[in-house]
C-alpha atoms as a PDB file:
ATOM      1  CA  MET A   1     -11.406 -17.139 -12.263  1.00  0.00           C
ATOM      2  CA  LYS A   2     -12.044 -13.699 -13.453  1.00  0.00           C
ATOM      3  CA  ILE A   3     -10.118 -11.177 -11.287  1.00  0.00           C
ATOM      4  CA  VAL A   4     -10.112  -7.280 -11.931  1.00  0.00           C
ATOM      5  CA  VAL A   5      -7.458  -5.577 -10.351  1.00  0.00           C
ATOM      6  CA  ILE A   6      -8.171  -1.745  -9.808  1.00  0.00           C
ATOM      7  CA  GLY A   7      -5.034   0.293 -10.255  1.00  0.00           C
ATOM      8  CA  GLY A   8      -3.801  -2.293 -12.355  1.00  0.00           C
ATOM      9  CA  SER A   9      -1.336  -0.106 -14.089  1.00  0.00           C
ATOM     10  CA  GLY A  10       0.620   0.812 -11.018  1.00  0.00           C
ATOM     11  CA  LEU A  11       3.799  -0.738  -9.443  1.00  0.00           C
ATOM     12  CA  ILE A  12       1.700  -3.517  -7.351  1.00  0.00           C
ATOM     13  CA  GLY A  13      -1.057  -3.815  -9.919  1.00  0.00           C
ATOM     14  CA  LYS A  14       1.003  -4.567 -13.028  1.00  0.00           C
ATOM     15  CA  LYS A  15       3.149  -7.405 -10.978  1.00  0.00           C
ATOM     16  CA  LEU A  16      -0.095  -8.699  -9.643  1.00  0.00           C
ATOM     17  CA  VAL A  17      -1.973  -8.798 -12.911  1.00  0.00           C
ATOM     18  CA  ARG A  18       1.126 -10.750 -14.475  1.00  0.00           C
ATOM     19  CA  LYS A  19       1.413 -13.268 -11.691  1.00  0.00           C
ATOM     20  CA  LEU A  20      -2.196 -14.052 -11.776  1.00  0.00           C
ATOM     21  CA  GLN A  21      -2.308 -14.392 -15.614  1.00  0.00           C
ATOM     22  CA  GLN A  22       0.685 -16.824 -15.246  1.00  0.00           C
ATOM     23  CA  LEU A  23      -1.330 -18.933 -12.982  1.00  0.00           C
ATOM     24  CA  GLY A  24      -4.071 -19.323 -15.470  1.00  0.00           C
ATOM     25  CA  HIS A  25      -6.550 -16.828 -14.334  1.00  0.00           C
ATOM     26  CA  GLU A  26      -8.400 -14.244 -16.340  1.00  0.00           C
ATOM     27  CA  ALA A  27      -6.851 -11.198 -14.391  1.00  0.00           C
ATOM     28  CA  VAL A  28      -7.811  -7.649 -15.705  1.00  0.00           C
ATOM     29  CA  ALA A  29      -5.499  -4.456 -15.160  1.00  0.00           C
ATOM     30  CA  ALA A  30      -8.336  -1.695 -14.607  1.00  0.00           C
ATOM     31  CA  SER A  31      -7.421   1.853 -14.536  1.00  0.00           C
ATOM     32  CA  PRO A  32      -8.075   5.316 -16.221  1.00  0.00           C
ATOM     33  CA  SER A  33      -5.766   4.554 -18.882  1.00  0.00           C
ATOM     34  CA  SER A  34      -7.767   1.447 -19.791  1.00  0.00           C
ATOM     35  CA  GLY A  35     -10.985   3.378 -19.528  1.00  0.00           C
ATOM     36  CA  VAL A  36     -11.950   2.633 -16.139  1.00  0.00           C
ATOM     37  CA  ASN A  37     -12.061   5.240 -13.461  1.00  0.00           C
ATOM     38  CA  ALA A  38     -13.421   4.240 -10.101  1.00  0.00           C
ATOM     39  CA  VAL A  39     -13.757   7.773  -8.888  1.00  0.00           C
ATOM     40  CA  THR A  40     -16.239   8.730 -11.647  1.00  0.00           C
ATOM     41  CA  GLY A  41     -17.519   5.049 -12.195  1.00  0.00           C
ATOM     42  CA  GLU A  42     -16.563   5.296 -15.716  1.00  0.00           C
ATOM     43  CA  GLY A  43     -16.282   1.646 -16.938  1.00  0.00           C
ATOM     44  CA  LEU A  44     -16.638   0.000 -13.804  1.00  0.00           C
ATOM     45  CA  ALA A  45     -19.952  -1.980 -14.702  1.00  0.00           C
ATOM     46  CA  GLU A  46     -18.385  -3.271 -18.069  1.00  0.00           C
ATOM     47  CA  VAL A  47     -15.240  -4.527 -16.518  1.00  0.00           C
ATOM     48  CA  LEU A  48     -16.691  -6.342 -13.466  1.00  0.00           C
ATOM     49  CA  VAL A  49     -18.894  -8.456 -15.644  1.00  0.00           C
ATOM     50  CA  GLY A  50     -18.205 -12.038 -14.827  1.00  0.00           C
ATOM     51  CA  ALA A  51     -15.892 -10.872 -12.123  1.00  0.00           C
ATOM     52  CA  GLN A  52     -15.511 -13.148  -8.678  1.00  0.00           C
ATOM     53  CA  VAL A  53     -12.613 -10.867  -7.236  1.00  0.00           C
ATOM     54  CA  VAL A  54     -11.901  -7.275  -7.151  1.00  0.00           C
ATOM     55  CA  VAL A  55      -8.260  -6.262  -5.827  1.00  0.00           C
ATOM     56  CA  ASP A  56      -8.167  -2.483  -5.132  1.00  0.00           C
ATOM     57  CA  VAL A  57      -4.609  -1.283  -5.238  1.00  0.00           C
ATOM     58  CA  THR A  58      -5.270   2.335  -6.232  1.00  0.00           C
ATOM     59  CA  ASN A  59      -3.543   5.361  -4.828  1.00  0.00           C
ATOM     60  CA  SER A  60      -4.713   8.806  -4.981  1.00  0.00           C
ATOM     61  CA  PRO A  61      -3.092  11.288  -7.155  1.00  0.00           C
ATOM     62  CA  SER A  62      -2.871  13.979  -4.544  1.00  0.00           C
ATOM     63  CA  PHE A  63      -2.045  13.967  -0.988  1.00  0.00           C
ATOM     64  CA  GLU A  64      -3.739  16.963  -0.085  1.00  0.00           C
ATOM     65  CA  ASP A  65      -6.159  16.190   2.986  1.00  0.00           C
ATOM     66  CA  ALA A  66      -9.479  16.758   1.261  1.00  0.00           C
ATOM     67  CA  GLU A  67      -8.679  15.365  -1.980  1.00  0.00           C
ATOM     68  CA  VAL A  68      -7.177  12.244  -0.766  1.00  0.00           C
ATOM     69  CA  LEU A  69     -10.207  11.663   1.482  1.00  0.00           C
ATOM     70  CA  GLU A  70     -12.512  12.346  -1.649  1.00  0.00           C
ATOM     71  CA  PHE A  71     -10.648   9.933  -3.897  1.00  0.00           C
ATOM     72  CA  PHE A  72     -10.865   7.082  -1.431  1.00  0.00           C
ATOM     73  CA  GLU A  73     -14.526   7.467  -0.432  1.00  0.00           C
ATOM     74  CA  LYS A  74     -15.815   8.081  -3.840  1.00  0.00           C
ATOM     75  CA  SER A  75     -13.806   5.232  -5.464  1.00  0.00           C
ATOM     76  CA  SER A  76     -14.742   2.849  -2.865  1.00  0.00           C
ATOM     77  CA  ARG A  77     -18.640   3.582  -2.964  1.00  0.00           C
ATOM     78  CA  ASN A  78     -18.579   3.265  -6.583  1.00  0.00           C
ATOM     79  CA  LEU A  79     -16.820   0.123  -6.574  1.00  0.00           C
ATOM     80  CA  PHE A  80     -19.191  -1.397  -4.049  1.00  0.00           C
ATOM     81  CA  ALA A  81     -22.034  -0.591  -5.991  1.00  0.00           C
ATOM     82  CA  ALA A  82     -20.691  -1.861  -9.043  1.00  0.00           C
ATOM     83  CA  GLU A  83     -19.658  -5.131  -7.304  1.00  0.00           C
ATOM     84  CA  ALA A  84     -22.930  -5.678  -5.753  1.00  0.00           C
ATOM     85  CA  ASP A  85     -24.537  -5.393  -9.340  1.00  0.00           C
ATOM     86  CA  ALA A  86     -21.994  -7.676 -10.796  1.00  0.00           C
ATOM     87  CA  GLY A  87     -22.176 -10.368  -7.760  1.00  0.00           C
ATOM     88  CA  VAL A  88     -18.511 -10.023  -6.699  1.00  0.00           C
ATOM     89  CA  ALA A  89     -17.743 -12.482  -3.911  1.00  0.00           C
ATOM     90  CA  HIS A  90     -14.528 -11.126  -2.497  1.00  0.00           C
ATOM     91  CA  HIS A  91     -13.269  -7.500  -2.323  1.00  0.00           C
ATOM     92  CA  ILE A  92      -9.487  -7.179  -1.367  1.00  0.00           C
ATOM     93  CA  ALA A  93      -7.845  -3.815  -0.629  1.00  0.00           C
ATOM     94  CA  LEU A  94      -4.394  -2.814  -0.013  1.00  0.00           C
ATOM     95  CA  SER A  95      -3.890  -0.448   2.967  1.00  0.00           C
ATOM     96  CA  ILE A  96      -1.028   0.614   5.355  1.00  0.00           C
ATOM     97  CA  VAL A  97       0.261  -0.893   8.553  1.00  0.00           C
ATOM     98  CA  GLY A  98      -0.569   1.684  11.287  1.00  0.00           C
ATOM     99  CA  ALA A  99      -3.191   3.779   9.498  1.00  0.00           C
ATOM    100  CA  ASP A 100      -5.422   3.648  12.442  1.00  0.00           C
ATOM    101  CA  ARG A 101      -2.537   4.885  14.778  1.00  0.00           C
ATOM    102  CA  ILE A 102      -1.703   8.066  12.867  1.00  0.00           C
ATOM    103  CA  PRO A 103      -4.593  10.244  13.069  1.00  0.00           C
ATOM    104  CA  ASP A 104      -2.617  13.626  12.392  1.00  0.00           C
ATOM    105  CA  SER A 105      -1.935  12.312   8.952  1.00  0.00           C
ATOM    106  CA  GLY A 106      -4.611  13.089   6.377  1.00  0.00           C
ATOM    107  CA  TYR A 107      -3.617  10.326   4.336  1.00  0.00           C
ATOM    108  CA  MET A 108      -3.891   7.773   7.090  1.00  0.00           C
ATOM    109  CA  ARG A 109      -7.055   8.970   7.942  1.00  0.00           C
ATOM    110  CA  ALA A 110      -8.378   8.785   4.284  1.00  0.00           C
ATOM    111  CA  LYS A 111      -7.247   5.073   4.441  1.00  0.00           C
ATOM    112  CA  VAL A 112      -8.989   4.190   7.429  1.00  0.00           C
ATOM    113  CA  ALA A 113     -12.248   5.992   6.028  1.00  0.00           C
ATOM    114  CA  GLN A 114     -11.742   3.362   3.108  1.00  0.00           C
ATOM    115  CA  GLU A 115     -11.407   0.431   5.280  1.00  0.00           C
ATOM    116  CA  LYS A 116     -14.676   1.430   7.273  1.00  0.00           C
ATOM    117  CA  LEU A 117     -16.486   1.720   3.972  1.00  0.00           C
ATOM    118  CA  ILE A 118     -15.088  -1.616   3.114  1.00  0.00           C
ATOM    119  CA  GLN A 119     -16.071  -3.244   6.275  1.00  0.00           C
ATOM    120  CA  SER A 120     -19.779  -1.756   6.045  1.00  0.00           C
ATOM    121  CA  ALA A 121     -20.323  -2.427   2.524  1.00  0.00           C
ATOM    122  CA  GLY A 122     -21.887  -5.970   2.691  1.00  0.00           C
ATOM    123  CA  ILE A 123     -19.425  -7.853   0.229  1.00  0.00           C
ATOM    124  CA  PRO A 124     -17.077 -10.285   1.626  1.00  0.00           C
ATOM    125  CA  TYR A 125     -13.474  -8.571   2.285  1.00  0.00           C
ATOM    126  CA  THR A 126     -10.153  -8.878   3.293  1.00  0.00           C
ATOM    127  CA  ILE A 127      -7.998  -5.892   3.873  1.00  0.00           C
ATOM    128  CA  VAL A 128      -4.298  -6.223   3.660  1.00  0.00           C
ATOM    129  CA  ARG A 129      -2.122  -3.625   5.578  1.00  0.00           C
ATOM    130  CA  ALA A 130       1.396  -3.415   4.303  1.00  0.00           C
ATOM    131  CA  THR A 131       4.395  -1.654   5.497  1.00  0.00           C
ATOM    132  CA  GLN A 132       6.354   0.787   3.529  1.00  0.00           C
ATOM    133  CA  PHE A 133       8.094  -0.648   0.415  1.00  0.00           C
ATOM    134  CA  PHE A 134      11.870  -0.832  -0.121  1.00  0.00           C
ATOM    135  CA  GLU A 135      11.452   0.969  -3.513  1.00  0.00           C
ATOM    136  CA  PHE A 136       9.997   4.198  -1.793  1.00  0.00           C
ATOM    137  CA  ILE A 137      12.864   4.501   0.765  1.00  0.00           C
ATOM    138  CA  GLY A 138      14.349   7.505  -1.329  1.00  0.00           C
ATOM    139  CA  THR A 139      11.153   9.243  -1.412  1.00  0.00           C
ATOM    140  CA  ILE A 140      10.526   8.817   2.600  1.00  0.00           C
ATOM    141  CA  VAL A 141      14.194  10.196   2.979  1.00  0.00           C
ATOM    142  CA  ALA A 142      13.426  13.140   0.630  1.00  0.00           C
ATOM    143  CA  GLN A 143      10.449  14.338   2.865  1.00  0.00           C
ATOM    144  CA  PHE A 144      12.490  14.565   5.981  1.00  0.00           C
ATOM    145  CA  PRO A 145      13.855  18.007   7.038  1.00  0.00           C
ATOM    146  CA  THR A 146      17.407  18.629   5.826  1.00  0.00           C
ATOM    147  CA  ASP A 147      19.727  21.097   7.295  1.00  0.00           C
ATOM    148  CA  GLY A 148      22.558  21.515   5.308  1.00  0.00           C
ATOM    149  CA  GLN A 149      24.171  18.054   5.345  1.00  0.00           C
ATOM    150  CA  THR A 150      22.042  16.721   8.120  1.00  0.00           C
ATOM    151  CA  VAL A 151      18.993  14.690   7.702  1.00  0.00           C
ATOM    152  CA  ARG A 152      16.675  14.770  10.681  1.00  0.00           C
ATOM    153  CA  LEU A 153      14.741  11.556  11.653  1.00  0.00           C
ATOM    154  CA  PRO A 154      12.268  10.575  14.128  1.00  0.00           C
ATOM    155  CA  PRO A 155      13.192   7.691  16.764  1.00  0.00           C
ATOM    156  CA  ALA A 156      10.807   5.391  15.574  1.00  0.00           C
ATOM    157  CA  PHE A 157      11.101   1.988  14.106  1.00  0.00           C
ATOM    158  CA  ILE A 158      10.162   1.002  10.575  1.00  0.00           C
ATOM    159  CA  GLN A 159       9.893  -2.696   8.906  1.00  0.00           C
ATOM    160  CA  PRO A 160       9.623  -2.330   5.182  1.00  0.00           C
ATOM    161  CA  ILE A 161       9.065  -4.893   2.684  1.00  0.00           C
ATOM    162  CA  LEU A 162       9.716  -5.432  -1.177  1.00  0.00           C
ATOM    163  CA  SER A 163       6.859  -4.831  -3.495  1.00  0.00           C
ATOM    164  CA  GLU A 164       7.502  -8.293  -4.934  1.00  0.00           C
ATOM    165  CA  ASP A 165       6.783  -9.974  -1.392  1.00  0.00           C
ATOM    166  CA  VAL A 166       3.493  -7.716  -1.334  1.00  0.00           C
ATOM    167  CA  VAL A 167       2.499  -9.137  -4.609  1.00  0.00           C
ATOM    168  CA  VAL A 168       3.059 -12.739  -3.618  1.00  0.00           C
ATOM    169  CA  ALA A 169       1.032 -12.371  -0.370  1.00  0.00           C
ATOM    170  CA  LEU A 170      -1.894 -10.698  -2.699  1.00  0.00           C
ATOM    171  CA  VAL A 171      -1.606 -13.620  -5.098  1.00  0.00           C
ATOM    172  CA  ASP A 172      -2.475 -15.962  -2.189  1.00  0.00           C
ATOM    173  CA  ILE A 173      -4.910 -13.813  -0.507  1.00  0.00           C
ATOM    174  CA  THR A 174      -6.829 -13.273  -3.950  1.00  0.00           C
ATOM    175  CA  LEU A 175      -7.066 -17.191  -4.666  1.00  0.00           C
ATOM    176  CA  GLY A 176      -8.125 -17.463  -1.119  1.00  0.00           C
ATOM    177  CA  VAL A 177     -11.371 -17.184   0.995  1.00  0.00           C
ATOM    178  CA  PRO A 178     -12.340 -13.730   2.618  1.00  0.00           C
ATOM    179  CA  VAL A 179     -11.246 -13.425   6.086  1.00  0.00           C
ATOM    180  CA  ASN A 180     -13.728 -10.420   6.628  1.00  0.00           C
ATOM    181  CA  GLY A 181     -10.864  -8.769   8.513  1.00  0.00           C
ATOM    182  CA  ILE A 182      -7.233  -7.157   8.443  1.00  0.00           C
ATOM    183  CA  ILE A 183      -4.078  -8.916   7.487  1.00  0.00           C
ATOM    184  CA  ASP A 184      -0.865  -7.102   8.671  1.00  0.00           C
ATOM    185  CA  LEU A 185       2.154  -7.385   6.241  1.00  0.00           C
ATOM    186  CA  ALA A 186       5.600  -6.909   6.664  1.00  0.00           C
ATOM    187  CA  GLY A 187       9.478  -7.370   5.722  1.00  0.00           C
ATOM    188  CA  PRO A 188      11.535  -9.696   7.769  1.00  0.00           C
ATOM    189  CA  ASP A 189      13.606  -6.845   9.554  1.00  0.00           C
ATOM    190  CA  ARG A 190      12.717  -3.857  11.821  1.00  0.00           C
ATOM    191  CA  PHE A 191      15.104  -0.960  11.715  1.00  0.00           C
ATOM    192  CA  ARG A 192      15.281   2.359  13.674  1.00  0.00           C
ATOM    193  CA  PHE A 193      14.790   5.249  10.816  1.00  0.00           C
ATOM    194  CA  GLU A 194      18.353   6.309  11.370  1.00  0.00           C
ATOM    195  CA  GLU A 195      19.856   2.820  10.681  1.00  0.00           C
ATOM    196  CA  ILE A 196      17.920   2.188   7.465  1.00  0.00           C
ATOM    197  CA  ILE A 197      18.366   5.539   6.249  1.00  0.00           C
ATOM    198  CA  ARG A 198      22.074   5.503   7.020  1.00  0.00           C
ATOM    199  CA  GLN A 199      22.596   2.627   5.010  1.00  0.00           C
ATOM    200  CA  PHE A 200      20.599   3.953   1.972  1.00  0.00           C
ATOM    201  CA  LEU A 201      22.479   7.328   1.890  1.00  0.00           C
ATOM    202  CA  SER A 202      25.925   5.324   2.101  1.00  0.00           C
ATOM    203  CA  ALA A 203      24.827   2.921  -0.638  1.00  0.00           C
ATOM    204  CA  THR A 204      23.876   5.680  -2.815  1.00  0.00           C
ATOM    205  CA  HIS A 205      26.840   7.847  -2.142  1.00  0.00           C
ATOM    206  CA  ASP A 206      25.020  10.614  -0.369  1.00  0.00           C
ATOM    207  CA  SER A 207      27.152  12.133   2.006  1.00  0.00           C
ATOM    208  CA  ARG A 208      24.377  13.554   4.368  1.00  0.00           C
ATOM    209  CA  GLN A 209      24.606  12.718   8.050  1.00  0.00           C
ATOM    210  CA  VAL A 210      21.382  11.552  10.052  1.00  0.00           C
ATOM    211  CA  VAL A 211      20.601  12.919  13.455  1.00  0.00           C
ATOM    212  CA  VAL A 212      17.628  11.897  15.500  1.00  0.00           C
ATOM    213  CA  ASP A 213      15.067  14.367  16.143  1.00  0.00           C
ATOM    214  CA  SER A 214      11.925  13.728  18.225  1.00  0.00           C
ATOM    215  CA  HIS A 215      10.058  16.627  16.576  1.00  0.00           C
ATOM    216  CA  ALA A 216      10.843  15.059  13.012  1.00  0.00           C
ATOM    217  CA  ARG A 217       7.754  14.406  11.323  1.00  0.00           C
ATOM    218  CA  TYR A 218       6.820  11.635   8.850  1.00  0.00           C
ATOM    219  CA  PHE A 219       4.636  13.274   5.813  1.00  0.00           C
ATOM    220  CA  GLY A 220       3.353  15.782   8.639  1.00  0.00           C
ATOM    221  CA  ALA A 221       2.862  13.180  11.383  1.00  0.00           C
ATOM    222  CA  ALA A 222       4.613  12.684  14.826  1.00  0.00           C
ATOM    223  CA  LEU A 223       5.817   8.988  14.941  1.00  0.00           C
ATOM    224  CA  ASN A 224       6.389   6.497  17.741  1.00  0.00           C
ATOM    225  CA  ASP A 225       6.202   2.991  16.203  1.00  0.00           C
ATOM    226  CA  GLN A 226       3.000   3.112  14.463  1.00  0.00           C
ATOM    227  CA  LEU A 227       4.607   1.657  11.263  1.00  0.00           C
ATOM    228  CA  VAL A 228       5.437  -1.630  12.479  1.00  0.00           C
ATOM    229  CA  PRO A 229       2.728  -4.440  12.778  1.00  0.00           C
ATOM    230  CA  GLU A 230       1.251  -5.315  16.208  1.00  0.00           C
ATOM    231  CA  GLY A 231       1.009  -9.052  16.991  1.00  0.00           C
ATOM    232  CA  ASN A 232       0.792 -11.762  14.411  1.00  0.00           C
ATOM    233  CA  SER A 233       1.522 -10.741  10.659  1.00  0.00           C
ATOM    234  CA  LEU A 234       2.810 -11.969   7.267  1.00  0.00           C
ATOM    235  CA  ILE A 235       6.503 -11.694   6.897  1.00  0.00           C
ATOM    236  CA  GLY A 236       8.268 -11.266   3.413  1.00  0.00           C
ATOM    237  CA  SER A 237      11.241 -13.113   2.428  1.00  0.00           C
ATOM    238  CA  ASN A 238      13.343 -10.480   0.946  1.00  0.00           C
ATOM    239  CA  ARG A 239      15.904  -8.561   2.946  1.00  0.00           C
ATOM    240  CA  PHE A 240      16.427  -4.572   2.842  1.00  0.00           C
ATOM    241  CA  GLU A 241      20.094  -5.092   2.409  1.00  0.00           C
ATOM    242  CA  ASP A 242      20.028  -7.567  -0.483  1.00  0.00           C
ATOM    243  CA  TRP A 243      17.540  -5.405  -2.189  1.00  0.00           C
ATOM    244  CA  LEU A 244      19.603  -2.473  -1.777  1.00  0.00           C
ATOM    245  CA  ASN A 245      22.850  -4.231  -2.981  1.00  0.00           C
ATOM    246  CA  ARG A 246      20.893  -5.384  -6.087  1.00  0.00           C
ATOM    247  CA  SER A 247      19.540  -1.997  -6.823  1.00  0.00           C
ATOM    248  CA  ILE A 248      22.768  -0.152  -6.459  1.00  0.00           C
ATOM    249  CA  ALA A 249      24.566  -2.815  -8.612  1.00  0.00           C
END
């Protein structure tokens, strides 16, 4: 089967292409570096010739509200037009758990806009909403306010997942039938922010202390428990503590 991975040069894309190729599929990594730009439409028609499945794991280069919305809307519309011409039978997109529950985040609003375009495009689809990746915990820590040696965190839960577990799930979904709906994907353990950040700081020999602050914002958004899945969801097998110990070692 020919499978085109849009955003195939990124963290998830590279791993997904490699696993699909190992299974004997013609998996093609498509990105601006390979001459395929979903935002401008460059190279889409050519790379989608003969493709049965498209997996969109792209991310916006800018997190500014207007720019991220423009990125996802333009790239999605260009993809659907090219997919319709090529006869693509399954469109898969990676989104974020809780995107529809954090309306004060411009990035999350853009992901919801992307999801709505997918749902109305007329191409069979599966939207995979994943929680935050273990690999991005350092980035998450860096955006919280720090007062001297204190990091202020919201009183909310997070249920992160290893990127490799996301890829494993995406392989199964890519080789399966469209669900024409949304699948949630999360790690096996749920943490309070202060718990997981304290573990990360300790393991990385960061002497800062954590303080729970109901006013602390997550990338500009107020949080309750929107970052964890509701109801049934796919669960990864790798635990944060094990990954953290391997990473530090």
